[in-house]
Amino acid sequence: MKQDTLEKMTSDVKRDLMFYMISNMRKYELTMKDAKYLAKDFLSIFPVKTVEDLLTELYFLGQMYPEARAVFVKYAKPYYEAKSHYLLESAIAYVREGDLEKALSLLKRRNLPWLKE
């Protein structure tokens, strides 16, 4: 199941990145040379093992390329909202069982590279 999700998201990210690249090239906001660099840098992140790895790499790529940033924004928000919801539901279950330590440790696992703590 997780592998299917990763493959689907990878395929969607590739498609959307290509869309943004072509769109920006048509608007003369991206040169052919920069498009080649973006494609090379994007392909260098593979293989990724998890969806979170893909999003993290896309985030760092987005620091250099607006096209990658747009794709990251599109996919990161729903993914991390679903992950946050799952973590909160799990923490609530631990609190109901009276295991506050497990609930707190679960909630501390927010290791997102773009959040400054």
C-alpha atoms as a PDB file:
ATOM      1  CA  MET A   1       0.000   0.000   0.000  1.00  0.00           C
ATOM      2  CA  LYS A   2       2.706   2.513   0.961  1.00  0.00           C
ATOM      3  CA  GLN A   3       4.714   1.702  -2.165  1.00  0.00           C
ATOM      4  CA  ASP A   4       1.620   2.317  -4.319  1.00  0.00           C
ATOM      5  CA  THR A   5       1.136   5.689  -2.639  1.00  0.00           C
ATOM      6  CA  LEU A   6       4.779   6.602  -3.224  1.00  0.00           C
ATOM      7  CA  GLU A   7       4.636   5.561  -6.868  1.00  0.00           C
ATOM      8  CA  LYS A   8       1.395   7.502  -7.437  1.00  0.00           C
ATOM      9  CA  MET A   9       2.731  10.646  -5.758  1.00  0.00           C
ATOM     10  CA  THR A  10       6.032  10.370  -7.646  1.00  0.00           C
ATOM     11  CA  SER A  11       4.162  10.097 -10.922  1.00  0.00           C
ATOM     12  CA  ASP A  12       1.912  13.044 -10.033  1.00  0.00           C
ATOM     13  CA  VAL A  13       4.866  15.179  -8.933  1.00  0.00           C
ATOM     14  CA  LYS A  14       6.752  14.437 -12.169  1.00  0.00           C
ATOM     15  CA  ARG A  15       3.684  15.323 -14.250  1.00  0.00           C
ATOM     16  CA  ASP A  16       3.026  18.567 -12.367  1.00  0.00           C
ATOM     17  CA  LEU A  17       6.661  19.634 -12.409  1.00  0.00           C
ATOM     18  CA  MET A  18       6.753  19.094 -16.167  1.00  0.00           C
ATOM     19  CA  PHE A  19       3.553  21.132 -16.492  1.00  0.00           C
ATOM     20  CA  TYR A  20       5.034  24.063 -14.546  1.00  0.00           C
ATOM     21  CA  MET A  21       8.277  23.878 -16.497  1.00  0.00           C
ATOM     22  CA  ILE A  22       6.511  23.966 -19.871  1.00  0.00           C
ATOM     23  CA  SER A  23       4.157  26.693 -18.711  1.00  0.00           C
ATOM     24  CA  ASN A  24       7.009  28.883 -17.487  1.00  0.00           C
ATOM     25  CA  MET A  25       9.043  28.255 -20.624  1.00  0.00           C
ATOM     26  CA  ARG A  26       6.090  29.419 -22.730  1.00  0.00           C
ATOM     27  CA  LYS A  27       5.881  32.572 -20.613  1.00  0.00           C
ATOM     28  CA  TYR A  28       9.671  33.060 -20.965  1.00  0.00           C
ATOM     29  CA  GLU A  29      10.086  32.768 -17.180  1.00  0.00           C
ATOM     30  CA  LEU A  30      12.270  29.675 -17.511  1.00  0.00           C
ATOM     31  CA  THR A  31      15.047  29.240 -20.049  1.00  0.00           C
ATOM     32  CA  MET A  32      15.871  25.948 -21.713  1.00  0.00           C
ATOM     33  CA  LYS A  33      19.198  25.914 -19.873  1.00  0.00           C
ATOM     34  CA  ASP A  34      17.514  26.380 -16.474  1.00  0.00           C
ATOM     35  CA  ALA A  35      14.917  23.749 -17.372  1.00  0.00           C
ATOM     36  CA  LYS A  36      17.722  21.271 -18.047  1.00  0.00           C
ATOM     37  CA  TYR A  37      19.332  22.072 -14.689  1.00  0.00           C
ATOM     38  CA  LEU A  38      15.992  21.663 -12.922  1.00  0.00           C
ATOM     39  CA  ALA A  39      15.340  18.337 -14.639  1.00  0.00           C
ATOM     40  CA  LYS A  40      18.856  17.113 -13.782  1.00  0.00           C
ATOM     41  CA  ASP A  41      18.538  18.207 -10.141  1.00  0.00           C
ATOM     42  CA  PHE A  42      15.067  16.698  -9.865  1.00  0.00           C
ATOM     43  CA  LEU A  43      16.124  13.335 -11.270  1.00  0.00           C
ATOM     44  CA  SER A  44      19.101  13.240  -8.911  1.00  0.00           C
ATOM     45  CA  ILE A  45      16.782  12.890  -5.892  1.00  0.00           C
ATOM     46  CA  PHE A  46      15.659   9.429  -7.008  1.00  0.00           C
ATOM     47  CA  PRO A  47      15.243   6.803  -5.748  1.00  0.00           C
ATOM     48  CA  VAL A  48      13.357   8.013  -2.686  1.00  0.00           C
ATOM     49  CA  LYS A  49      12.106   5.586  -0.059  1.00  0.00           C
ATOM     50  CA  THR A  50       9.083   7.405   1.365  1.00  0.00           C
ATOM     51  CA  VAL A  51       6.606  10.104   0.466  1.00  0.00           C
ATOM     52  CA  GLU A  52       8.109  12.242   3.209  1.00  0.00           C
ATOM     53  CA  ASP A  53      11.574  11.876   1.634  1.00  0.00           C
ATOM     54  CA  LEU A  54      10.126  12.950  -1.717  1.00  0.00           C
ATOM     55  CA  LEU A  55       8.506  16.028  -0.168  1.00  0.00           C
ATOM     56  CA  THR A  56      11.649  16.928   1.766  1.00  0.00           C
ATOM     57  CA  GLU A  57      13.792  16.735  -1.371  1.00  0.00           C
ATOM     58  CA  LEU A  58      11.180  18.707  -3.291  1.00  0.00           C
ATOM     59  CA  TYR A  59      11.219  21.365  -0.565  1.00  0.00           C
ATOM     60  CA  PHE A  60      14.986  21.833  -0.880  1.00  0.00           C
ATOM     61  CA  LEU A  61      14.727  21.839  -4.677  1.00  0.00           C
ATOM     62  CA  GLY A  62      12.050  24.512  -4.332  1.00  0.00           C
ATOM     63  CA  GLN A  63      14.608  26.783  -2.676  1.00  0.00           C
ATOM     64  CA  MET A  64      16.301  27.087  -6.073  1.00  0.00           C
ATOM     65  CA  TYR A  65      13.445  26.630  -8.539  1.00  0.00           C
ATOM     66  CA  PRO A  66       9.984  28.273  -8.332  1.00  0.00           C
ATOM     67  CA  GLU A  67       8.483  25.408 -10.359  1.00  0.00           C
ATOM     68  CA  ALA A  68       9.559  22.866  -7.737  1.00  0.00           C
ATOM     69  CA  ARG A  69       8.277  25.158  -4.978  1.00  0.00           C
ATOM     70  CA  ALA A  70       4.829  25.274  -6.599  1.00  0.00           C
ATOM     71  CA  VAL A  71       4.699  21.480  -6.797  1.00  0.00           C
ATOM     72  CA  PHE A  72       5.887  21.133  -3.194  1.00  0.00           C
ATOM     73  CA  VAL A  73       3.169  23.480  -1.955  1.00  0.00           C
ATOM     74  CA  LYS A  74       0.520  21.548  -3.869  1.00  0.00           C
ATOM     75  CA  TYR A  75       1.429  18.173  -2.347  1.00  0.00           C
ATOM     76  CA  ALA A  76       2.890  18.984   1.070  1.00  0.00           C
ATOM     77  CA  LYS A  77      -0.150  20.613   2.628  1.00  0.00           C
ATOM     78  CA  PRO A  78      -2.601  17.712   2.164  1.00  0.00           C
ATOM     79  CA  TYR A  79       0.037  15.144   3.103  1.00  0.00           C
ATOM     80  CA  TYR A  80       1.079  16.850   6.327  1.00  0.00           C
ATOM     81  CA  GLU A  81      -2.500  17.696   7.272  1.00  0.00           C
ATOM     82  CA  ALA A  82      -3.386  14.002   6.985  1.00  0.00           C
ATOM     83  CA  LYS A  83      -0.259  13.059   8.942  1.00  0.00           C
ATOM     84  CA  SER A  84      -1.070  15.605  11.674  1.00  0.00           C
ATOM     85  CA  HIS A  85      -4.626  14.323  11.887  1.00  0.00           C
ATOM     86  CA  TYR A  86      -3.369  10.749  12.245  1.00  0.00           C
ATOM     87  CA  LEU A  87      -0.861  11.749  14.945  1.00  0.00           C
ATOM     88  CA  LEU A  88      -3.504  13.665  16.894  1.00  0.00           C
ATOM     89  CA  GLU A  89      -5.966  10.783  16.700  1.00  0.00           C
ATOM     90  CA  SER A  90      -3.264   8.388  17.894  1.00  0.00           C
ATOM     91  CA  ALA A  91      -2.259  10.726  20.729  1.00  0.00           C
ATOM     92  CA  ILE A  92      -5.899  11.070  21.813  1.00  0.00           C
ATOM     93  CA  ALA A  93      -6.179   7.284  21.954  1.00  0.00           C
ATOM     94  CA  TYR A  94      -3.091   7.100  24.197  1.00  0.00           C
ATOM     95  CA  VAL A  95      -4.465   9.837  26.461  1.00  0.00           C
ATOM     96  CA  ARG A  96      -7.748   7.928  26.797  1.00  0.00           C
ATOM     97  CA  GLU A  97      -5.751   4.860  27.818  1.00  0.00           C
ATOM     98  CA  GLY A  98      -3.916   6.991  30.382  1.00  0.00           C
ATOM     99  CA  ASP A  99      -0.517   6.729  28.692  1.00  0.00           C
ATOM    100  CA  LEU A 100       0.491  10.406  28.588  1.00  0.00           C
ATOM    101  CA  GLU A 101       4.179   9.674  28.001  1.00  0.00           C
ATOM    102  CA  LYS A 102       3.449   7.788  24.771  1.00  0.00           C
ATOM    103  CA  ALA A 103       1.084  10.535  23.624  1.00  0.00           C
ATOM    104  CA  LEU A 104       3.720  13.225  24.207  1.00  0.00           C
ATOM    105  CA  SER A 105       6.481  11.233  22.567  1.00  0.00           C
ATOM    106  CA  LEU A 106       4.262  10.648  19.537  1.00  0.00           C
ATOM    107  CA  LEU A 107       3.498  14.344  19.188  1.00  0.00           C
ATOM    108  CA  LYS A 108       7.183  15.287  19.431  1.00  0.00           C
ATOM    109  CA  ARG A 109       7.965  13.385  16.210  1.00  0.00           C
ATOM    110  CA  ARG A 110       7.361  16.389  13.965  1.00  0.00           C
ATOM    111  CA  ASN A 111      10.702  16.292  12.175  1.00  0.00           C
ATOM    112  CA  LEU A 112       9.941  18.641   9.308  1.00  0.00           C
ATOM    113  CA  PRO A 113      13.041  20.323   7.841  1.00  0.00           C
ATOM    114  CA  TRP A 114      11.285  23.595   7.062  1.00  0.00           C
ATOM    115  CA  LEU A 115       9.882  24.173  10.548  1.00  0.00           C
ATOM    116  CA  LYS A 116      12.139  26.314  12.665  1.00  0.00           C
ATOM    117  CA  GLU A 117      11.906  25.338  16.319  1.00  0.00           C
END
